[in-house]
Protein backbone atom coordinates (compact mmCIF):
# COMPACT_ATOMS: atom_id res chain seq x y z
CA MET A 1 241.68 62.11 179.25
CA ARG A 2 241.12 65.69 178.14
CA ARG A 3 244.17 65.50 175.86
CA GLY A 4 242.77 62.32 174.29
CA LEU A 5 239.43 64.00 173.65
CA LEU A 6 241.22 66.97 172.10
CA ILE A 7 243.14 64.71 169.71
CA VAL A 8 239.94 62.88 168.71
CA THR A 9 238.16 66.22 168.16
CA VAL A 10 240.96 67.52 165.95
CA LEU A 11 240.94 64.33 163.88
CA LEU A 12 237.16 64.50 163.45
CA LEU A 13 237.30 68.13 162.39
CA ALA A 14 240.04 67.30 159.89
CA LEU A 15 237.92 64.51 158.44
CA LEU A 16 234.81 66.69 158.30
CA GLY A 17 236.79 69.47 156.67
CA ALA A 18 238.04 67.23 153.88
CA GLY A 19 235.65 68.44 151.21
CA PRO A 20 235.20 67.38 147.58
CA ALA A 21 238.27 69.32 146.44
CA ASP A 22 240.43 66.90 148.45
CA ALA A 23 239.12 63.89 146.51
CA GLU A 24 240.77 62.58 143.35
CA ALA A 25 239.35 63.39 139.94
CA ARG A 26 237.85 60.38 138.18
CA VAL A 27 237.70 59.54 134.49
CA ALA A 28 234.02 58.84 133.82
CA ASN A 29 234.30 58.11 130.11
CA VAL A 30 236.95 57.65 127.43
CA VAL A 31 236.21 58.18 123.74
CA ASN A 32 238.91 57.17 121.25
CA LEU A 33 238.27 59.68 118.46
CA THR A 34 241.20 58.46 116.35
CA PRO A 35 244.31 56.37 117.09
CA THR A 36 246.07 59.62 118.06
CA ARG A 37 243.24 61.64 119.60
CA THR A 38 241.28 60.79 122.73
CA ALA A 39 238.50 62.56 124.61
CA LEU A 40 238.35 62.15 128.38
CA PHE A 41 235.31 63.09 130.44
CA ILE A 42 236.54 63.77 133.96
CA ASP A 43 234.50 64.22 137.11
CA SER A 44 236.26 67.08 138.85
CA PRO A 45 235.73 67.35 142.62
CA ALA A 46 237.07 70.91 142.56
CA MET A 47 234.71 72.09 139.83
CA GLY A 48 231.81 69.96 140.95
CA HIS A 49 230.97 68.83 137.43
CA ARG A 50 232.25 66.82 134.48
CA VAL A 51 234.95 68.37 132.30
CA GLN A 52 235.97 67.24 128.83
CA VAL A 53 239.65 67.20 127.91
CA GLN A 54 240.98 66.06 124.54
CA ILE A 55 244.51 64.75 124.12
CA LEU A 56 246.56 64.56 120.94
CA HIS A 57 249.10 61.81 121.47
CA PRO A 58 251.36 59.36 119.60
CA ALA A 59 249.74 56.12 118.49
CA GLY A 60 252.32 53.98 120.24
CA GLY A 61 253.36 53.65 123.84
CA GLY A 62 256.35 55.05 125.63
CA SER A 63 257.07 57.97 127.89
CA ARG A 64 256.59 61.56 126.74
CA PRO A 65 256.15 65.15 127.98
CA SER A 66 252.88 67.07 127.89
CA TYR A 67 251.95 70.47 126.44
CA TYR A 68 248.80 71.96 127.96
CA LEU A 69 247.31 74.25 125.30
CA LEU A 70 244.57 76.68 126.35
CA ASP A 71 241.81 78.42 124.40
CA GLY A 72 240.90 82.10 124.35
CA LEU A 73 238.02 84.00 125.91
CA VAL A 74 235.33 82.07 124.01
CA PRO A 75 236.50 78.44 123.89
CA GLY A 76 234.83 75.58 122.12
CA ASP A 77 232.13 73.65 123.95
CA GLN A 78 232.60 70.37 122.03
CA GLU A 79 236.32 70.57 121.34
CA SER A 80 239.14 73.08 121.65
CA ILE A 81 239.19 75.80 119.01
CA TRP A 82 242.85 74.88 118.46
CA THR A 83 241.66 71.71 116.70
CA VAL A 84 239.06 73.60 114.68
CA ALA A 85 240.79 76.79 113.57
CA THR A 86 244.41 75.63 113.22
CA ASP A 87 246.43 72.71 111.91
CA ALA A 88 247.35 71.63 115.46
CA VAL A 89 246.23 68.03 114.87
CA ASN A 90 248.53 67.60 111.88
CA PHE A 91 251.31 69.73 113.33
CA PHE A 92 251.69 67.53 116.40
CA ALA A 93 251.04 64.24 114.60
CA ASN A 94 254.73 63.32 114.31
CA LYS A 95 255.85 64.69 117.66
CA ASN A 96 256.44 62.66 120.81
CA VAL A 97 254.26 64.79 123.08
CA ASN A 98 250.82 64.80 124.66
CA VAL A 99 248.93 67.94 123.69
CA VAL A 100 246.33 68.46 126.39
CA LEU A 101 243.32 70.51 125.28
CA PRO A 102 240.71 71.43 127.91
CA VAL A 103 237.22 72.01 126.54
CA GLY A 104 235.13 74.85 127.95
CA GLY A 105 235.97 77.62 130.40
CA LEU A 106 234.15 80.62 128.92
CA ALA A 107 235.75 83.83 130.25
CA SER A 108 237.34 81.78 133.02
CA TYR A 109 240.96 82.90 132.69
CA TYR A 110 241.58 79.26 133.69
CA THR A 111 241.85 80.28 137.32
CA ASP A 112 240.25 79.49 140.66
CA TRP A 113 237.52 82.07 141.19
CA GLU A 114 236.98 83.36 144.70
CA ARG A 115 233.27 82.57 144.54
CA PRO A 116 230.84 80.85 142.13
CA ASP A 117 229.31 83.10 139.49
CA PRO A 118 225.56 82.97 138.75
CA ARG A 119 226.27 83.03 135.01
CA LEU A 120 229.44 80.91 134.72
CA GLY A 121 229.15 78.57 137.70
CA ASN A 122 231.89 77.20 139.92
CA TYR A 123 235.27 77.86 138.33
CA LYS A 124 238.26 76.09 139.87
CA TRP A 125 240.33 75.73 136.73
CA GLU A 126 243.75 76.15 138.31
CA THR A 127 243.07 73.32 140.74
CA PHE A 128 241.77 71.15 137.91
CA LEU A 129 244.69 71.86 135.56
CA THR A 130 247.49 71.65 138.11
CA ARG A 131 246.27 69.09 140.68
CA GLU A 132 243.53 66.92 139.26
CA LEU A 133 244.43 66.54 135.59
CA PRO A 134 248.23 65.91 135.49
CA PRO A 135 248.09 62.58 137.39
CA ILE A 136 245.51 61.35 134.88
CA ILE A 137 247.59 62.42 131.87
CA ASP A 138 250.75 60.91 133.35
CA GLY A 139 249.02 57.74 134.47
CA GLN A 140 247.00 56.97 131.34
CA PHE A 141 248.91 58.64 128.49
CA GLY A 142 252.54 57.98 129.30
CA GLY A 143 253.22 61.44 130.65
CA ASN A 144 256.65 61.65 132.24
CA GLY A 145 255.90 64.60 134.52
CA VAL A 146 257.63 67.11 132.24
CA ASN A 147 255.15 69.81 131.24
CA ALA A 148 254.72 73.07 129.36
CA VAL A 149 251.65 75.29 129.09
CA GLY A 150 250.61 77.80 126.47
CA GLY A 151 247.58 79.58 125.19
CA LEU A 152 246.18 82.38 123.10
CA SER A 153 244.86 85.68 124.45
CA MET A 154 243.01 84.79 127.69
CA GLY A 155 244.63 81.35 127.64
CA GLY A 156 248.06 82.90 127.23
CA ASN A 157 247.49 85.20 130.19
CA ALA A 158 246.43 82.14 132.17
CA ALA A 159 249.44 80.10 131.05
CA PHE A 160 251.83 82.61 132.59
CA THR A 161 249.74 82.82 135.76
CA LEU A 162 249.73 79.04 136.08
CA VAL A 163 253.51 78.92 135.77
CA THR A 164 254.22 81.72 138.24
CA ARG A 165 251.84 80.15 140.76
CA ASN A 166 252.99 76.57 140.13
CA PRO A 167 256.61 76.81 138.93
CA TRP A 168 257.33 73.26 140.08
CA LEU A 169 254.95 71.87 137.43
CA TYR A 170 256.18 73.49 134.21
CA ARG A 171 259.44 73.89 132.31
CA ALA A 172 258.15 76.16 129.54
CA VAL A 173 255.39 78.66 128.79
CA ALA A 174 254.04 80.27 125.62
CA GLY A 175 251.65 83.15 125.08
CA TYR A 176 250.14 83.91 121.70
CA SER A 177 248.80 87.49 121.67
CA ALA A 178 248.66 87.41 125.45
CA CYS A 179 249.20 90.02 128.16
CA PRO A 180 250.76 88.42 131.25
CA ASP A 181 250.64 91.71 133.17
CA ALA A 182 247.37 91.41 135.11
CA THR A 183 247.58 94.96 136.42
CA LEU A 184 248.12 96.49 132.99
CA SER A 185 245.26 94.46 131.51
CA ALA A 186 242.89 94.68 134.49
CA ALA A 187 240.31 96.92 132.84
CA ALA A 188 240.23 94.78 129.69
CA THR A 189 239.97 91.60 131.77
CA MET A 190 237.07 92.95 133.83
CA PHE A 191 235.29 94.17 130.69
CA SER A 192 235.76 90.86 128.86
CA ILE A 193 234.16 88.92 131.73
CA ALA A 194 231.28 91.39 132.12
CA LEU A 195 230.68 91.22 128.36
CA ARG A 196 229.87 87.51 128.83
CA GLY A 197 227.22 88.32 131.44
CA ALA A 198 229.31 87.45 134.50
CA ASN A 199 230.45 89.46 137.50
CA PRO A 200 234.24 89.96 137.20
CA ILE A 201 234.55 90.70 140.92
CA ASN A 202 233.73 87.03 141.54
CA MET A 203 237.10 86.09 140.04
CA TRP A 204 239.78 87.81 142.17
CA GLY A 205 237.81 90.61 143.75
CA LEU A 206 238.57 94.20 142.76
CA PRO A 207 241.79 95.07 140.90
CA GLY A 208 244.47 96.00 143.40
CA SER A 209 243.42 93.31 145.84
CA PRO A 210 245.94 90.75 147.13
CA ASP A 211 244.40 88.06 144.91
CA TRP A 212 245.03 90.17 141.79
CA ALA A 213 248.65 90.65 142.83
CA ASP A 214 249.02 86.91 143.45
CA HIS A 215 247.90 86.25 139.86
CA ASP A 216 250.00 88.97 138.21
CA SER A 217 252.85 87.42 136.24
CA ALA A 218 254.65 90.76 135.97
CA ILE A 219 254.73 91.18 139.74
CA ASN A 220 255.76 87.54 140.19
CA ALA A 221 258.00 87.38 137.13
CA ASP A 222 261.00 86.15 139.11
CA ARG A 223 259.24 82.78 139.35
CA LEU A 224 259.72 82.45 135.58
CA ARG A 225 263.47 82.23 136.02
CA GLY A 226 264.82 79.06 134.43
CA LYS A 227 261.76 78.50 132.24
CA ALA A 228 261.70 78.56 128.45
CA ILE A 229 259.50 81.55 127.58
CA TYR A 230 257.83 82.52 124.31
CA LEU A 231 255.56 85.51 123.61
CA SER A 232 254.27 86.67 120.24
CA THR A 233 252.25 89.68 119.16
CA GLY A 234 251.16 91.63 116.10
CA THR A 235 250.64 95.37 115.97
CA GLY A 236 246.98 95.68 115.04
CA LEU A 237 247.82 96.78 111.50
CA LEU A 238 246.35 94.69 108.70
CA GLY A 239 248.67 91.86 107.77
CA PRO A 240 248.95 89.01 105.27
CA HIS A 241 246.06 87.04 106.80
CA ASP A 242 243.71 90.02 106.66
CA LEU A 243 243.47 90.37 102.89
CA ASN A 244 240.55 88.03 102.30
CA LEU A 245 237.60 90.23 101.38
CA ASP A 246 234.88 88.18 103.06
CA ALA A 247 231.78 89.32 104.91
CA GLU A 248 233.40 88.86 108.34
CA LEU A 249 236.46 91.01 107.64
CA PRO A 250 235.01 94.32 108.98
CA ALA A 251 233.99 92.65 112.25
CA ARG A 252 237.39 91.00 112.62
CA ILE A 253 239.16 94.29 112.04
CA PHE A 254 236.83 96.21 114.38
CA SER A 255 237.48 93.86 117.29
CA GLY A 256 240.86 92.36 116.46
CA ALA A 257 242.89 95.43 115.52
CA PRO A 258 242.58 97.44 118.77
CA VAL A 259 242.92 94.34 120.94
CA GLU A 260 246.16 93.32 119.25
CA ALA A 261 247.50 96.87 119.50
CA MET A 262 246.92 96.75 123.28
CA VAL A 263 248.56 93.33 123.48
CA ASN A 264 251.58 94.72 121.65
CA VAL A 265 252.01 97.49 124.23
CA CYS A 266 251.67 94.97 127.06
CA THR A 267 254.17 92.57 125.49
CA ILE A 268 256.77 95.33 125.16
CA ALA A 269 256.28 96.23 128.83
CA PHE A 270 256.59 92.58 129.87
CA GLU A 271 259.80 92.19 127.88
CA GLN A 272 261.23 95.19 129.72
CA ARG A 273 260.19 93.64 133.02
CA LEU A 274 262.00 90.37 132.23
CA ARG A 275 265.08 92.22 131.01
CA THR A 276 265.22 94.15 134.29
CA LEU A 277 265.25 90.83 136.13
CA GLY A 278 267.78 89.29 133.75
CA ILE A 279 265.37 86.57 132.63
CA PRO A 280 265.88 85.46 129.00
CA ALA A 281 262.85 84.94 126.78
CA ARG A 282 261.91 84.74 123.12
CA PHE A 283 259.73 87.61 121.93
CA ALA A 284 258.30 87.38 118.42
CA TYR A 285 257.10 90.75 117.17
CA ARG A 286 255.22 90.76 113.90
CA PRO A 287 255.16 94.08 111.99
CA SER A 288 251.44 93.63 111.33
CA GLY A 289 248.51 91.38 112.15
CA ILE A 290 245.31 91.54 114.18
CA HIS A 291 243.93 89.38 117.00
CA SER A 292 242.92 86.33 114.97
CA TRP A 293 243.50 82.61 114.51
CA PRO A 294 245.73 82.51 111.40
CA TYR A 295 248.41 84.42 113.30
CA TRP A 296 248.11 82.08 116.30
CA GLN A 297 248.65 79.09 114.02
CA ASP A 298 251.81 80.76 112.71
CA ALA A 299 252.92 81.49 116.27
CA LEU A 300 252.27 77.90 117.37
CA HIS A 301 254.71 76.73 114.70
CA ASP A 302 257.17 79.49 115.53
CA SER A 303 257.10 78.73 119.25
CA TRP A 304 257.84 75.03 119.01
CA PRO A 305 261.66 75.38 118.64
CA THR A 306 261.48 77.14 122.04
CA ILE A 307 258.91 74.94 123.80
CA GLY A 308 259.69 71.51 122.33
CA PRO A 309 263.37 71.24 123.28
CA ALA A 310 262.67 72.62 126.76
CA ILE A 311 260.46 69.61 127.54
CA GLY A 312 262.38 67.05 125.47
CA ALA A 313 259.70 66.66 122.80
């Protein structure tokens, strides 16, 4: 009798403990923007709100892999900046791949935060991107379960973190002006979040904590073994895309030059880390260039011979 009561109690507790994050995400609305571009509005149990995701996809049917492409620190709120500031729409138009573009995620690092932030809200991006979203992409857009993930700057950092934490989900990863070493970039990461009015401690606690180590792709680099890897960086010196004498050039140089110089140092250190482990990767070092979109468009093109074949696209 007592054993039966114990079993019933355990079952009830399990049912009561099954919170919203255990529920399936639901597509609330579908907007066909063009024959090859669709916007999904997804109710995310993990996030507790509706998230927009846009997909670039072939017009016809058939099975295909998916490339999850992430924005930087300040993403678009109506569409991904990739579709605004680059030729991504045209570049992928003739390729048999779903390009999955999440919308939003200001200063999120596309990760699950330890606690909600008063400024940014409840961030559970890793759960959304790795658990909730892939079944929708595979079920409604012909995804065959073969995935890659990439991103610029913050999104590139996140791409490597997502792969090292979920190696079963991805075959390839790309970072465009990204620093996958969370320890090396900790101060810059904390500052970038605080600059957007949020409390960076709400993400993974204080640098040096176990949660920071769990999200550090340099510490966990061995989990990248067997993946196709691409990383690109400039040097912070003015390059061919920095010669337009417009009113925004001084601001771009002031912010973009030192950031790219730091990324360059981090990329060199990460290459050394992978070499120590015997993990092959493609590193694209530009002799010049600041932290700006024209270089990320170039890198997107340059990365595809690495990423595309790895996922059969």
